[in-house]
Amino acid sequence: MNGASAPRVGEWTSGVAELGGAEIPLSGKVIRVIDIAGKRRVTVELDLLIDDYVAVLEGYLTRVQLLDILV
């Protein structure tokens, strides 16, 4: 968010997720905002993604899960 205020619960928000070299646009409804030790955590219920972006996200999640197992 780089200094911007956190979105409020119930608001619609959008942004770009950088997933290890690939970028995909995301949007959705904010369902929770938590401030833990000065860091904001925002939970977003995502809108549907275009199939091409779903494949990128699934590939990224698979790689992250494999790294978790190997470490």
PDB file of N, CA and C in Angstrom:
ATOM      1  N   MET A   1       0.807  -1.194   0.000  1.00  0.00           N
ATOM      2  CA  MET A   1       0.000   0.000   0.000  1.00  0.00           C
ATOM      3  C   MET A   1       0.849   1.255   0.000  1.00  0.00           C
ATOM      4  N   ASN A   2       2.088   1.152   0.371  1.00  0.00           N
ATOM      5  CA  ASN A   2       3.032   2.275   0.284  1.00  0.00           C
ATOM      6  C   ASN A   2       2.490   3.588   0.824  1.00  0.00           C
ATOM      7  N   GLY A   3       2.099   3.599   2.084  1.00  0.00           N
ATOM      8  CA  GLY A   3       1.647   4.838   2.698  1.00  0.00           C
ATOM      9  C   GLY A   3       0.184   5.158   2.489  1.00  0.00           C
ATOM     10  N   ALA A   4      -0.451   4.479   1.588  1.00  0.00           N
ATOM     11  CA  ALA A   4      -1.883   4.721   1.362  1.00  0.00           C
ATOM     12  C   ALA A   4      -2.676   4.114   2.515  1.00  0.00           C
ATOM     13  N   SER A   5      -3.851   4.660   2.753  1.00  0.00           N
ATOM     14  CA  SER A   5      -4.674   4.104   3.824  1.00  0.00           C
ATOM     15  C   SER A   5      -5.249   2.758   3.386  1.00  0.00           C
ATOM     16  N   ALA A   6      -5.459   1.899   4.358  1.00  0.00           N
ATOM     17  CA  ALA A   6      -6.012   0.575   4.064  1.00  0.00           C
ATOM     18  C   ALA A   6      -7.460   0.711   3.635  1.00  0.00           C
ATOM     19  N   PRO A   7      -7.908  -0.139   2.724  1.00  0.00           N
ATOM     20  CA  PRO A   7      -9.327  -0.113   2.366  1.00  0.00           C
ATOM     21  C   PRO A   7     -10.177  -0.526   3.563  1.00  0.00           C
ATOM     22  N   ARG A   8     -11.417  -0.104   3.566  1.00  0.00           N
ATOM     23  CA  ARG A   8     -12.326  -0.434   4.670  1.00  0.00           C
ATOM     24  C   ARG A   8     -13.090  -1.715   4.368  1.00  0.00           C
ATOM     25  N   VAL A   9     -13.535  -2.360   5.424  1.00  0.00           N
ATOM     26  CA  VAL A   9     -14.328  -3.578   5.285  1.00  0.00           C
ATOM     27  C   VAL A   9     -15.574  -3.255   4.466  1.00  0.00           C
ATOM     28  N   GLY A  10     -15.870  -4.110   3.504  1.00  0.00           N
ATOM     29  CA  GLY A  10     -17.034  -3.931   2.640  1.00  0.00           C
ATOM     30  C   GLY A  10     -16.724  -3.205   1.345  1.00  0.00           C
ATOM     31  N   GLU A  11     -15.575  -2.538   1.264  1.00  0.00           N
ATOM     32  CA  GLU A  11     -15.202  -1.835   0.037  1.00  0.00           C
ATOM     33  C   GLU A  11     -14.683  -2.815  -1.011  1.00  0.00           C
ATOM     34  N   TRP A  12     -14.815  -2.403  -2.260  1.00  0.00           N
ATOM     35  CA  TRP A  12     -14.241  -3.152  -3.368  1.00  0.00           C
ATOM     36  C   TRP A  12     -12.865  -2.566  -3.633  1.00  0.00           C
ATOM     37  N   THR A  13     -11.886  -3.419  -3.871  1.00  0.00           N
ATOM     38  CA  THR A  13     -10.533  -2.949  -4.124  1.00  0.00           C
ATOM     39  C   THR A  13      -9.922  -3.736  -5.272  1.00  0.00           C
ATOM     40  N   SER A  14      -8.879  -3.190  -5.842  1.00  0.00           N
ATOM     41  CA  SER A  14      -8.182  -3.885  -6.927  1.00  0.00           C
ATOM     42  C   SER A  14      -6.700  -3.589  -6.837  1.00  0.00           C
ATOM     43  N   GLY A  15      -5.905  -4.433  -7.461  1.00  0.00           N
ATOM     44  CA  GLY A  15      -4.463  -4.253  -7.452  1.00  0.00           C
ATOM     45  C   GLY A  15      -3.807  -5.285  -8.343  1.00  0.00           C
ATOM     46  N   VAL A  16      -2.500  -5.323  -8.269  1.00  0.00           N
ATOM     47  CA  VAL A  16      -1.720  -6.272  -9.066  1.00  0.00           C
ATOM     48  C   VAL A  16      -0.873  -7.100  -8.113  1.00  0.00           C
ATOM     49  N   ALA A  17      -0.940  -8.429  -8.256  1.00  0.00           N
ATOM     50  CA  ALA A  17      -0.118  -9.330  -7.450  1.00  0.00           C
ATOM     51  C   ALA A  17       1.117  -9.703  -8.251  1.00  0.00           C
ATOM     52  N   GLU A  18       2.291  -9.553  -7.625  1.00  0.00           N
ATOM     53  CA  GLU A  18       3.536  -9.944  -8.262  1.00  0.00           C
ATOM     54  C   GLU A  18       3.915 -11.307  -7.722  1.00  0.00           C
ATOM     55  N   LEU A  19       3.890 -12.306  -8.594  1.00  0.00           N
ATOM     56  CA  LEU A  19       4.052 -13.697  -8.175  1.00  0.00           C
ATOM     57  C   LEU A  19       5.349 -14.277  -8.734  1.00  0.00           C
ATOM     58  N   GLY A  20       6.453 -13.885  -8.177  1.00  0.00           N
ATOM     59  CA  GLY A  20       7.734 -14.456  -8.606  1.00  0.00           C
ATOM     60  C   GLY A  20       8.033 -14.213 -10.065  1.00  0.00           C
ATOM     61  N   GLY A  21       7.830 -13.013 -10.531  1.00  0.00           N
ATOM     62  CA  GLY A  21       8.128 -12.673 -11.924  1.00  0.00           C
ATOM     63  C   GLY A  21       6.897 -12.462 -12.779  1.00  0.00           C
ATOM     64  N   ALA A  22       5.804 -13.075 -12.426  1.00  0.00           N
ATOM     65  CA  ALA A  22       4.554 -12.889 -13.173  1.00  0.00           C
ATOM     66  C   ALA A  22       3.653 -11.931 -12.397  1.00  0.00           C
ATOM     67  N   GLU A  23       2.903 -11.135 -13.118  1.00  0.00           N
ATOM     68  CA  GLU A  23       1.967 -10.217 -12.488  1.00  0.00           C
ATOM     69  C   GLU A  23       0.555 -10.531 -12.965  1.00  0.00           C
ATOM     70  N   ILE A  24      -0.390 -10.521 -12.014  1.00  0.00           N
ATOM     71  CA  ILE A  24      -1.786 -10.732 -12.395  1.00  0.00           C
ATOM     72  C   ILE A  24      -2.654  -9.693 -11.691  1.00  0.00           C
ATOM     73  N   PRO A  25      -3.662  -9.188 -12.395  1.00  0.00           N
ATOM     74  CA  PRO A  25      -4.579  -8.234 -11.772  1.00  0.00           C
ATOM     75  C   PRO A  25      -5.568  -8.979 -10.871  1.00  0.00           C
ATOM     76  N   LEU A  26      -5.836  -8.397  -9.713  1.00  0.00           N
ATOM     77  CA  LEU A  26      -6.783  -8.972  -8.764  1.00  0.00           C
ATOM     78  C   LEU A  26      -7.776  -7.902  -8.339  1.00  0.00           C
ATOM     79  N   SER A  27      -8.978  -8.329  -8.012  1.00  0.00           N
ATOM     80  CA  SER A  27      -9.973  -7.422  -7.461  1.00  0.00           C
ATOM     81  C   SER A  27     -10.881  -8.225  -6.553  1.00  0.00           C
ATOM     82  N   GLY A  28     -11.568  -7.511  -5.655  1.00  0.00           N
ATOM     83  CA  GLY A  28     -12.483  -8.208  -4.764  1.00  0.00           C
ATOM     84  C   GLY A  28     -12.980  -7.311  -3.649  1.00  0.00           C
ATOM     85  N   LYS A  29     -13.727  -7.917  -2.744  1.00  0.00           N
ATOM     86  CA  LYS A  29     -14.354  -7.218  -1.630  1.00  0.00           C
ATOM     87  C   LYS A  29     -13.534  -7.452  -0.358  1.00  0.00           C
ATOM     88  N   VAL A  30     -13.240  -6.374   0.359  1.00  0.00           N
ATOM     89  CA  VAL A  30     -12.492  -6.460   1.602  1.00  0.00           C
ATOM     90  C   VAL A  30     -13.410  -7.025   2.677  1.00  0.00           C
ATOM     91  N   ILE A  31     -12.976  -8.127   3.316  1.00  0.00           N
ATOM     92  CA  ILE A  31     -13.809  -8.730   4.358  1.00  0.00           C
ATOM     93  C   ILE A  31     -13.207  -8.588   5.752  1.00  0.00           C
ATOM     94  N   ARG A  32     -11.889  -8.205   5.832  1.00  0.00           N
ATOM     95  CA  ARG A  32     -11.279  -8.015   7.147  1.00  0.00           C
ATOM     96  C   ARG A  32     -10.021  -7.171   7.000  1.00  0.00           C
ATOM     97  N   VAL A  33      -9.816  -6.262   7.960  1.00  0.00           N
ATOM     98  CA  VAL A  33      -8.585  -5.469   8.042  1.00  0.00           C
ATOM     99  C   VAL A  33      -8.086  -5.567   9.474  1.00  0.00           C
ATOM    100  N   ILE A  34      -6.853  -6.021   9.657  1.00  0.00           N
ATOM    101  CA  ILE A  34      -6.263  -6.193  10.984  1.00  0.00           C
ATOM    102  C   ILE A  34      -4.946  -5.417  11.025  1.00  0.00           C
ATOM    103  N   ASP A  35      -4.687  -4.765  12.151  1.00  0.00           N
ATOM    104  CA  ASP A  35      -3.421  -4.070  12.364  1.00  0.00           C
ATOM    105  C   ASP A  35      -2.650  -4.837  13.428  1.00  0.00           C
ATOM    106  N   ILE A  36      -1.550  -5.488  13.019  1.00  0.00           N
ATOM    107  CA  ILE A  36      -0.736  -6.278  13.947  1.00  0.00           C
ATOM    108  C   ILE A  36       0.658  -5.652  14.002  1.00  0.00           C
ATOM    109  N   ALA A  37       1.011  -5.150  15.158  1.00  0.00           N
ATOM    110  CA  ALA A  37       2.339  -4.554  15.375  1.00  0.00           C
ATOM    111  C   ALA A  37       2.660  -3.509  14.305  1.00  0.00           C
ATOM    112  N   GLY A  38       1.687  -2.686  13.974  1.00  0.00           N
ATOM    113  CA  GLY A  38       1.909  -1.611  13.012  1.00  0.00           C
ATOM    114  C   GLY A  38       1.844  -2.026  11.556  1.00  0.00           C
ATOM    115  N   LYS A  39       1.579  -3.312  11.283  1.00  0.00           N
ATOM    116  CA  LYS A  39       1.467  -3.792   9.901  1.00  0.00           C
ATOM    117  C   LYS A  39       0.023  -4.164   9.613  1.00  0.00           C
ATOM    118  N   ARG A  40      -0.492  -3.671   8.502  1.00  0.00           N
ATOM    119  CA  ARG A  40      -1.884  -3.951   8.131  1.00  0.00           C
ATOM    120  C   ARG A  40      -1.988  -5.274   7.384  1.00  0.00           C
ATOM    121  N   ARG A  41      -2.962  -6.044   7.757  1.00  0.00           N
ATOM    122  CA  ARG A  41      -3.288  -7.303   7.070  1.00  0.00           C
ATOM    123  C   ARG A  41      -4.701  -7.155   6.529  1.00  0.00           C
ATOM    124  N   VAL A  42      -4.863  -7.323   5.231  1.00  0.00           N
ATOM    125  CA  VAL A  42      -6.161  -7.157   4.592  1.00  0.00           C
ATOM    126  C   VAL A  42      -6.569  -8.487   3.971  1.00  0.00           C
ATOM    127  N   THR A  43      -7.756  -8.965   4.296  1.00  0.00           N
ATOM    128  CA  THR A  43      -8.302 -10.178   3.704  1.00  0.00           C
ATOM    129  C   THR A  43      -9.319  -9.767   2.645  1.00  0.00           C
ATOM    130  N   VAL A  44      -9.135 -10.297   1.424  1.00  0.00           N
ATOM    131  CA  VAL A  44      -9.988  -9.926   0.301  1.00  0.00           C
ATOM    132  C   VAL A  44     -10.640 -11.177  -0.275  1.00  0.00           C
ATOM    133  N   GLU A  45     -11.942 -11.121  -0.482  1.00  0.00           N
ATOM    134  CA  GLU A  45     -12.669 -12.191  -1.179  1.00  0.00           C
ATOM    135  C   GLU A  45     -12.546 -11.877  -2.664  1.00  0.00           C
ATOM    136  N   LEU A  46     -11.742 -12.657  -3.373  1.00  0.00           N
ATOM    137  CA  LEU A  46     -11.412 -12.339  -4.755  1.00  0.00           C
ATOM    138  C   LEU A  46     -12.574 -12.555  -5.720  1.00  0.00           C
ATOM    139  N   ASP A  47     -12.635 -11.680  -6.716  1.00  0.00           N
ATOM    140  CA  ASP A  47     -13.549 -11.881  -7.838  1.00  0.00           C
ATOM    141  C   ASP A  47     -12.990 -13.015  -8.693  1.00  0.00           C
ATOM    142  N   LEU A  48     -13.802 -13.507  -9.619  1.00  0.00           N
ATOM    143  CA  LEU A  48     -13.333 -14.557 -10.527  1.00  0.00           C
ATOM    144  C   LEU A  48     -12.181 -14.042 -11.381  1.00  0.00           C
ATOM    145  N   LEU A  49     -11.244 -14.946 -11.689  1.00  0.00           N
ATOM    146  CA  LEU A  49     -10.099 -14.600 -12.516  1.00  0.00           C
ATOM    147  C   LEU A  49     -10.281 -15.152 -13.931  1.00  0.00           C
ATOM    148  N   ILE A  50      -9.645 -14.511 -14.882  1.00  0.00           N
ATOM    149  CA  ILE A  50      -9.586 -15.025 -16.251  1.00  0.00           C
ATOM    150  C   ILE A  50      -8.761 -16.314 -16.225  1.00  0.00           C
ATOM    151  N   ASP A  51      -9.124 -17.298 -17.057  1.00  0.00           N
ATOM    152  CA  ASP A  51      -8.473 -18.608 -17.037  1.00  0.00           C
ATOM    153  C   ASP A  51      -6.950 -18.532 -17.115  1.00  0.00           C
ATOM    154  N   ASP A  52      -6.417 -17.649 -17.942  1.00  0.00           N
ATOM    155  CA  ASP A  52      -4.962 -17.517 -18.066  1.00  0.00           C
ATOM    156  C   ASP A  52      -4.335 -17.114 -16.732  1.00  0.00           C
ATOM    157  N   TYR A  53      -5.001 -16.227 -15.995  1.00  0.00           N
ATOM    158  CA  TYR A  53      -4.485 -15.793 -14.705  1.00  0.00           C
ATOM    159  C   TYR A  53      -4.641 -16.882 -13.654  1.00  0.00           C
ATOM    160  N   VAL A  54      -5.691 -17.685 -13.767  1.00  0.00           N
ATOM    161  CA  VAL A  54      -5.879 -18.811 -12.841  1.00  0.00           C
ATOM    162  C   VAL A  54      -4.701 -19.769 -12.972  1.00  0.00           C
ATOM    163  N   ALA A  55      -4.284 -20.044 -14.202  1.00  0.00           N
ATOM    164  CA  ALA A  55      -3.160 -20.953 -14.438  1.00  0.00           C
ATOM    165  C   ALA A  55      -1.874 -20.402 -13.822  1.00  0.00           C
ATOM    166  N   VAL A  56      -1.633 -19.105 -13.951  1.00  0.00           N
ATOM    167  CA  VAL A  56      -0.443 -18.480 -13.369  1.00  0.00           C
ATOM    168  C   VAL A  56      -0.491 -18.588 -11.844  1.00  0.00           C
ATOM    169  N   LEU A  57      -1.635 -18.272 -11.244  1.00  0.00           N
ATOM    170  CA  LEU A  57      -1.787 -18.330  -9.793  1.00  0.00           C
ATOM    171  C   LEU A  57      -1.617 -19.763  -9.282  1.00  0.00           C
ATOM    172  N   GLU A  58      -2.218 -20.738  -9.957  1.00  0.00           N
ATOM    173  CA  GLU A  58      -2.089 -22.134  -9.540  1.00  0.00           C
ATOM    174  C   GLU A  58      -0.640 -22.601  -9.633  1.00  0.00           C
ATOM    175  N   GLY A  59       0.055 -22.199 -10.687  1.00  0.00           N
ATOM    176  CA  GLY A  59       1.466 -22.554 -10.833  1.00  0.00           C
ATOM    177  C   GLY A  59       2.302 -21.972  -9.710  1.00  0.00           C
ATOM    178  N   TYR A  60       2.038 -20.721  -9.368  1.00  0.00           N
ATOM    179  CA  TYR A  60       2.763 -20.064  -8.284  1.00  0.00           C
ATOM    180  C   TYR A  60       2.497 -20.768  -6.951  1.00  0.00           C
ATOM    181  N   LEU A  61       1.240 -21.057  -6.659  1.00  0.00           N
ATOM    182  CA  LEU A  61       0.895 -21.719  -5.398  1.00  0.00           C
ATOM    183  C   LEU A  61       1.529 -23.107  -5.305  1.00  0.00           C
ATOM    184  N   THR A  62       1.598 -23.815  -6.414  1.00  0.00           N
ATOM    185  CA  THR A  62       2.244 -25.134  -6.438  1.00  0.00           C
ATOM    186  C   THR A  62       3.722 -25.002  -6.106  1.00  0.00           C
ATOM    187  N   ARG A  63       4.403 -24.020  -6.710  1.00  0.00           N
ATOM    188  CA  ARG A  63       5.829 -23.809  -6.431  1.00  0.00           C
ATOM    189  C   ARG A  63       6.054 -23.456  -4.963  1.00  0.00           C
ATOM    190  N   VAL A  64       5.206 -22.600  -4.407  1.00  0.00           N
ATOM    191  CA  VAL A  64       5.356 -22.195  -3.012  1.00  0.00           C
ATOM    192  C   VAL A  64       5.142 -23.388  -2.087  1.00  0.00           C
ATOM    193  N   GLN A  65       4.164 -24.229  -2.385  1.00  0.00           N
ATOM    194  CA  GLN A  65       3.911 -25.403  -1.562  1.00  0.00           C
ATOM    195  C   GLN A  65       5.078 -26.376  -1.633  1.00  0.00           C
ATOM    196  N   LEU A  66       5.680 -26.540  -2.805  1.00  0.00           N
ATOM    197  CA  LEU A  66       6.835 -27.428  -2.943  1.00  0.00           C
ATOM    198  C   LEU A  66       8.031 -26.891  -2.153  1.00  0.00           C
ATOM    199  N   LEU A  67       8.224 -25.582  -2.181  1.00  0.00           N
ATOM    200  CA  LEU A  67       9.314 -24.987  -1.405  1.00  0.00           C
ATOM    201  C   LEU A  67       9.098 -25.204   0.084  1.00  0.00           C
ATOM    202  N   ASP A  68       7.855 -25.136   0.532  1.00  0.00           N
ATOM    203  CA  ASP A  68       7.537 -25.359   1.940  1.00  0.00           C
ATOM    204  C   ASP A  68       7.907 -26.787   2.349  1.00  0.00           C
ATOM    205  N   ILE A  69       7.687 -27.739   1.471  1.00  0.00           N
ATOM    206  CA  ILE A  69       7.996 -29.141   1.763  1.00  0.00           C
ATOM    207  C   ILE A  69       9.506 -29.349   1.777  1.00  0.00           C
ATOM    208  N   LEU A  70      10.231 -28.731   0.852  1.00  0.00           N
ATOM    209  CA  LEU A  70      11.661 -28.928   0.741  1.00  0.00           C
ATOM    210  C   LEU A  70      12.461 -28.253   1.845  1.00  0.00           C
ATOM    211  N   VAL A  71      11.922 -27.183   2.383  1.00  0.00           N
ATOM    212  CA  VAL A  71      12.651 -26.435   3.410  1.00  0.00           C
ATOM    213  C   VAL A  71      12.404 -27.017   4.732  1.00  0.00           C
TER     214      VAL A  71
END
